[in-house]
């Protein structure tokens, strides 16, 4: 997962590696972004999809709770952003 991938150059570089099969580009609130940087309506990434924020091996090795921290943190941000969008939709 790439947070704030800009024009997508980072995602393209990541996907050049044969061992990488999937990659998500998200904004700081966990909204999944299209290759052009625009969010896909009502699609957020969190939980297991967020496990790779700091890499599967953490800081050069296993770091207890590292994947859980990123999953919970981004999951919370995504949940808050989704709630804001729902409240804006219902207010209109």
N, C-alpha and C. Protein backbone atom coordinates (compact mmCIF):
# COMPACT_ATOMS: atom_id res chain seq x y z
N UNK A 1 0.84 -1.16 0.00
CA UNK A 1 0.00 0.00 0.00
C UNK A 1 0.89 1.23 0.00
N UNK A 2 0.50 2.21 -0.80
CA UNK A 2 1.21 3.48 -0.89
C UNK A 2 0.26 4.56 -0.43
N UNK A 3 0.66 5.32 0.58
CA UNK A 3 -0.17 6.43 1.06
C UNK A 3 0.25 7.69 0.34
N UNK A 4 -0.72 8.34 -0.32
CA UNK A 4 -0.44 9.57 -1.05
C UNK A 4 0.53 9.36 -2.20
N UNK A 5 0.19 8.47 -3.12
CA UNK A 5 1.09 8.07 -4.19
C UNK A 5 1.31 9.07 -5.29
N UNK A 6 0.75 10.26 -5.18
CA UNK A 6 0.97 11.29 -6.20
C UNK A 6 0.50 10.86 -7.56
N UNK A 7 1.38 10.94 -8.55
CA UNK A 7 0.99 10.60 -9.92
C UNK A 7 1.10 9.10 -10.21
N UNK A 8 1.44 8.30 -9.22
CA UNK A 8 1.47 6.85 -9.39
C UNK A 8 2.82 6.27 -9.72
N UNK A 9 3.87 7.08 -9.78
CA UNK A 9 5.20 6.57 -10.12
C UNK A 9 5.69 5.54 -9.11
N UNK A 10 5.40 5.75 -7.83
CA UNK A 10 5.82 4.80 -6.80
C UNK A 10 5.13 3.47 -6.99
N UNK A 11 3.83 3.49 -7.26
CA UNK A 11 3.08 2.25 -7.47
C UNK A 11 3.62 1.51 -8.69
N UNK A 12 3.89 2.22 -9.78
CA UNK A 12 4.43 1.57 -10.98
C UNK A 12 5.78 0.92 -10.68
N UNK A 13 6.61 1.58 -9.91
CA UNK A 13 7.92 1.02 -9.56
C UNK A 13 7.77 -0.22 -8.68
N UNK A 14 6.87 -0.16 -7.70
CA UNK A 14 6.64 -1.31 -6.83
C UNK A 14 6.16 -2.51 -7.64
N UNK A 15 5.26 -2.28 -8.58
CA UNK A 15 4.68 -3.38 -9.35
C UNK A 15 5.64 -3.98 -10.37
N UNK A 16 6.81 -3.38 -10.56
CA UNK A 16 7.83 -3.95 -11.44
C UNK A 16 8.46 -5.19 -10.83
N UNK A 17 8.39 -5.33 -9.52
CA UNK A 17 9.00 -6.48 -8.83
C UNK A 17 8.09 -7.70 -8.98
N UNK A 18 8.66 -8.80 -9.38
CA UNK A 18 7.87 -10.01 -9.64
C UNK A 18 7.14 -10.53 -8.42
N UNK A 19 7.70 -10.31 -7.24
CA UNK A 19 7.07 -10.85 -6.03
C UNK A 19 5.85 -10.05 -5.59
N UNK A 20 5.66 -8.86 -6.15
CA UNK A 20 4.52 -8.01 -5.80
C UNK A 20 3.42 -8.24 -6.82
N UNK A 21 2.25 -8.64 -6.34
CA UNK A 21 1.14 -8.89 -7.27
C UNK A 21 0.06 -7.83 -7.18
N UNK A 22 -0.04 -7.15 -6.05
CA UNK A 22 -1.09 -6.14 -5.86
C UNK A 22 -0.52 -4.94 -5.12
N UNK A 23 -1.10 -3.80 -5.37
CA UNK A 23 -0.68 -2.60 -4.66
C UNK A 23 -1.86 -1.61 -4.64
N UNK A 24 -2.13 -1.05 -3.48
CA UNK A 24 -3.17 -0.04 -3.34
C UNK A 24 -2.53 1.32 -3.13
N UNK A 25 -3.12 2.33 -3.73
CA UNK A 25 -2.71 3.70 -3.46
C UNK A 25 -3.87 4.33 -2.72
N UNK A 26 -3.59 4.87 -1.53
CA UNK A 26 -4.63 5.45 -0.69
C UNK A 26 -4.24 6.86 -0.27
N UNK A 27 -5.25 7.65 0.11
CA UNK A 27 -4.94 8.96 0.70
C UNK A 27 -4.78 8.79 2.21
N UNK A 28 -4.54 9.86 2.91
CA UNK A 28 -4.26 9.80 4.34
C UNK A 28 -5.46 9.31 5.16
N UNK A 29 -6.65 9.37 4.58
CA UNK A 29 -7.86 8.86 5.26
C UNK A 29 -8.20 7.44 4.85
N UNK A 30 -7.34 6.78 4.08
CA UNK A 30 -7.58 5.40 3.69
C UNK A 30 -8.47 5.23 2.48
N UNK A 31 -8.82 6.32 1.80
CA UNK A 31 -9.62 6.20 0.57
C UNK A 31 -8.74 5.59 -0.52
N UNK A 32 -9.23 4.56 -1.19
CA UNK A 32 -8.48 3.94 -2.27
C UNK A 32 -8.54 4.87 -3.48
N UNK A 33 -7.37 5.14 -4.08
CA UNK A 33 -7.27 6.08 -5.19
C UNK A 33 -7.13 5.37 -6.52
N UNK A 34 -7.68 5.98 -7.55
CA UNK A 34 -7.49 5.51 -8.92
C UNK A 34 -6.08 5.90 -9.37
N UNK A 35 -5.60 5.35 -10.49
CA UNK A 35 -4.27 5.74 -10.98
C UNK A 35 -4.12 7.24 -11.22
N UNK A 36 -5.24 7.94 -11.49
CA UNK A 36 -5.16 9.39 -11.70
C UNK A 36 -5.18 10.18 -10.39
N UNK A 37 -5.23 9.47 -9.25
CA UNK A 37 -5.19 10.13 -7.94
C UNK A 37 -6.55 10.48 -7.37
N UNK A 38 -7.61 10.26 -8.10
CA UNK A 38 -8.95 10.56 -7.59
C UNK A 38 -9.49 9.37 -6.81
N UNK A 39 -10.18 9.63 -5.69
CA UNK A 39 -10.68 8.52 -4.87
C UNK A 39 -11.82 7.76 -5.55
N UNK A 40 -11.87 6.46 -5.27
CA UNK A 40 -12.99 5.62 -5.71
C UNK A 40 -14.07 5.79 -4.65
N UNK A 41 -15.25 6.20 -5.06
CA UNK A 41 -16.34 6.49 -4.12
C UNK A 41 -16.62 5.30 -3.20
N UNK A 42 -16.68 5.58 -1.91
CA UNK A 42 -17.07 4.60 -0.89
C UNK A 42 -16.14 3.40 -0.77
N UNK A 43 -14.89 3.52 -1.20
CA UNK A 43 -13.94 2.41 -1.08
C UNK A 43 -12.77 2.86 -0.21
N UNK A 44 -12.63 2.22 0.94
CA UNK A 44 -11.58 2.53 1.90
C UNK A 44 -10.74 1.28 2.15
N UNK A 45 -9.48 1.47 2.51
CA UNK A 45 -8.59 0.35 2.84
C UNK A 45 -8.24 0.44 4.31
N UNK A 46 -8.27 -0.67 4.96
CA UNK A 46 -7.88 -0.75 6.37
C UNK A 46 -7.71 -2.22 6.72
N UNK A 47 -7.46 -2.52 7.96
CA UNK A 47 -7.31 -3.90 8.39
C UNK A 47 -6.16 -4.59 7.68
N UNK A 48 -6.41 -5.78 7.13
CA UNK A 48 -5.37 -6.56 6.48
C UNK A 48 -4.72 -5.85 5.31
N UNK A 49 -5.48 -5.03 4.58
CA UNK A 49 -4.91 -4.30 3.45
C UNK A 49 -3.87 -3.29 3.90
N UNK A 50 -3.95 -2.87 5.15
CA UNK A 50 -3.02 -1.87 5.67
C UNK A 50 -1.77 -2.48 6.28
N UNK A 51 -1.67 -3.80 6.29
CA UNK A 51 -0.56 -4.46 6.98
C UNK A 51 0.80 -4.12 6.40
N UNK A 52 0.87 -3.72 5.15
CA UNK A 52 2.17 -3.47 4.54
C UNK A 52 2.64 -2.04 4.59
N UNK A 53 2.03 -1.19 5.39
CA UNK A 53 2.41 0.22 5.43
C UNK A 53 3.89 0.38 5.73
N UNK A 54 4.42 -0.40 6.68
CA UNK A 54 5.83 -0.31 7.02
C UNK A 54 6.59 -1.56 6.59
N UNK A 55 6.03 -2.31 5.69
CA UNK A 55 6.71 -3.49 5.17
C UNK A 55 6.39 -4.73 5.98
N UNK A 56 6.41 -5.85 5.33
CA UNK A 56 6.09 -7.11 6.01
C UNK A 56 7.17 -7.47 7.03
N UNK A 57 8.38 -6.97 6.87
CA UNK A 57 9.44 -7.30 7.81
C UNK A 57 9.71 -6.17 8.80
N UNK A 58 8.85 -5.18 8.82
CA UNK A 58 9.04 -4.08 9.77
C UNK A 58 10.33 -3.33 9.48
N UNK A 59 11.02 -2.92 10.53
CA UNK A 59 12.27 -2.16 10.38
C UNK A 59 13.45 -3.12 10.27
N UNK A 60 13.50 -3.89 9.19
CA UNK A 60 14.61 -4.81 8.97
C UNK A 60 14.42 -6.15 9.67
N UNK A 61 13.34 -6.37 10.32
CA UNK A 61 13.08 -7.62 11.01
C UNK A 61 11.71 -7.55 11.65
N UNK A 62 11.37 -8.57 12.41
CA UNK A 62 10.05 -8.61 13.04
C UNK A 62 9.95 -7.56 14.13
N UNK A 63 8.94 -6.76 14.08
CA UNK A 63 8.67 -5.78 15.13
C UNK A 63 7.26 -6.06 15.65
N UNK A 64 7.17 -6.56 16.86
CA UNK A 64 5.89 -6.96 17.42
C UNK A 64 4.86 -5.84 17.36
N UNK A 65 3.69 -6.15 16.80
CA UNK A 65 2.60 -5.18 16.74
C UNK A 65 2.69 -4.19 15.61
N UNK A 66 3.75 -4.23 14.81
CA UNK A 66 3.94 -3.24 13.76
C UNK A 66 2.81 -3.28 12.73
N UNK A 67 2.45 -4.46 12.24
CA UNK A 67 1.36 -4.57 11.28
C UNK A 67 0.02 -4.21 11.89
N UNK A 68 -0.17 -4.61 13.14
CA UNK A 68 -1.42 -4.31 13.84
C UNK A 68 -1.59 -2.80 14.02
N UNK A 69 -0.51 -2.12 14.36
CA UNK A 69 -0.57 -0.68 14.56
C UNK A 69 -1.02 0.04 13.29
N UNK A 70 -0.43 -0.31 12.17
CA UNK A 70 -0.81 0.36 10.92
C UNK A 70 -2.23 -0.01 10.51
N UNK A 71 -2.62 -1.27 10.72
CA UNK A 71 -3.97 -1.70 10.35
C UNK A 71 -5.02 -0.97 11.18
N UNK A 72 -4.79 -0.89 12.49
CA UNK A 72 -5.76 -0.23 13.37
C UNK A 72 -5.76 1.28 13.12
N UNK A 73 -4.58 1.87 12.98
CA UNK A 73 -4.49 3.31 12.76
C UNK A 73 -5.19 3.75 11.49
N UNK A 74 -4.86 3.09 10.37
CA UNK A 74 -5.48 3.48 9.11
C UNK A 74 -6.95 3.08 9.10
N UNK A 75 -7.28 1.98 9.76
CA UNK A 75 -8.68 1.58 9.87
C UNK A 75 -9.51 2.64 10.57
N UNK A 76 -8.95 3.22 11.64
CA UNK A 76 -9.66 4.28 12.35
C UNK A 76 -9.83 5.52 11.47
N UNK A 77 -8.75 5.93 10.80
CA UNK A 77 -8.84 7.10 9.91
C UNK A 77 -9.86 6.86 8.80
N UNK A 78 -9.86 5.65 8.23
CA UNK A 78 -10.81 5.34 7.17
C UNK A 78 -12.24 5.36 7.70
N UNK A 79 -12.44 4.82 8.90
CA UNK A 79 -13.78 4.82 9.50
C UNK A 79 -14.29 6.22 9.76
N UNK A 80 -13.42 7.08 10.27
CA UNK A 80 -13.82 8.47 10.52
C UNK A 80 -14.17 9.19 9.22
N UNK A 81 -13.35 8.97 8.19
CA UNK A 81 -13.61 9.61 6.89
C UNK A 81 -14.91 9.10 6.29
N UNK A 82 -15.16 7.79 6.39
CA UNK A 82 -16.41 7.23 5.86
C UNK A 82 -17.61 7.81 6.61
N UNK A 83 -17.51 7.96 7.92
CA UNK A 83 -18.61 8.53 8.71
C UNK A 83 -18.87 9.98 8.29
N UNK A 84 -17.79 10.74 8.03
CA UNK A 84 -17.98 12.12 7.57
C UNK A 84 -18.71 12.15 6.22
N UNK A 85 -18.32 11.24 5.32
CA UNK A 85 -18.96 11.21 4.00
C UNK A 85 -20.44 10.83 4.12
N UNK A 86 -20.75 9.88 5.00
CA UNK A 86 -22.14 9.48 5.20
C UNK A 86 -22.95 10.65 5.74
N UNK A 87 -22.40 11.37 6.71
CA UNK A 87 -23.15 12.49 7.29
C UNK A 87 -23.32 13.61 6.28
N UNK A 88 -22.35 13.81 5.38
CA UNK A 88 -22.50 14.82 4.34
C UNK A 88 -23.58 14.39 3.34
N UNK A 89 -23.62 13.10 3.01
CA UNK A 89 -24.62 12.59 2.06
C UNK A 89 -26.03 12.73 2.63
N UNK A 90 -26.19 12.45 3.92
CA UNK A 90 -27.53 12.51 4.52
C UNK A 90 -27.98 13.94 4.77
N UNK A 91 -27.02 14.87 4.91
CA UNK A 91 -27.38 16.27 5.14
C UNK A 91 -27.83 16.96 3.86
N UNK A 92 -27.43 16.41 2.72
CA UNK A 92 -27.76 17.05 1.43
C UNK A 92 -29.16 16.76 0.98
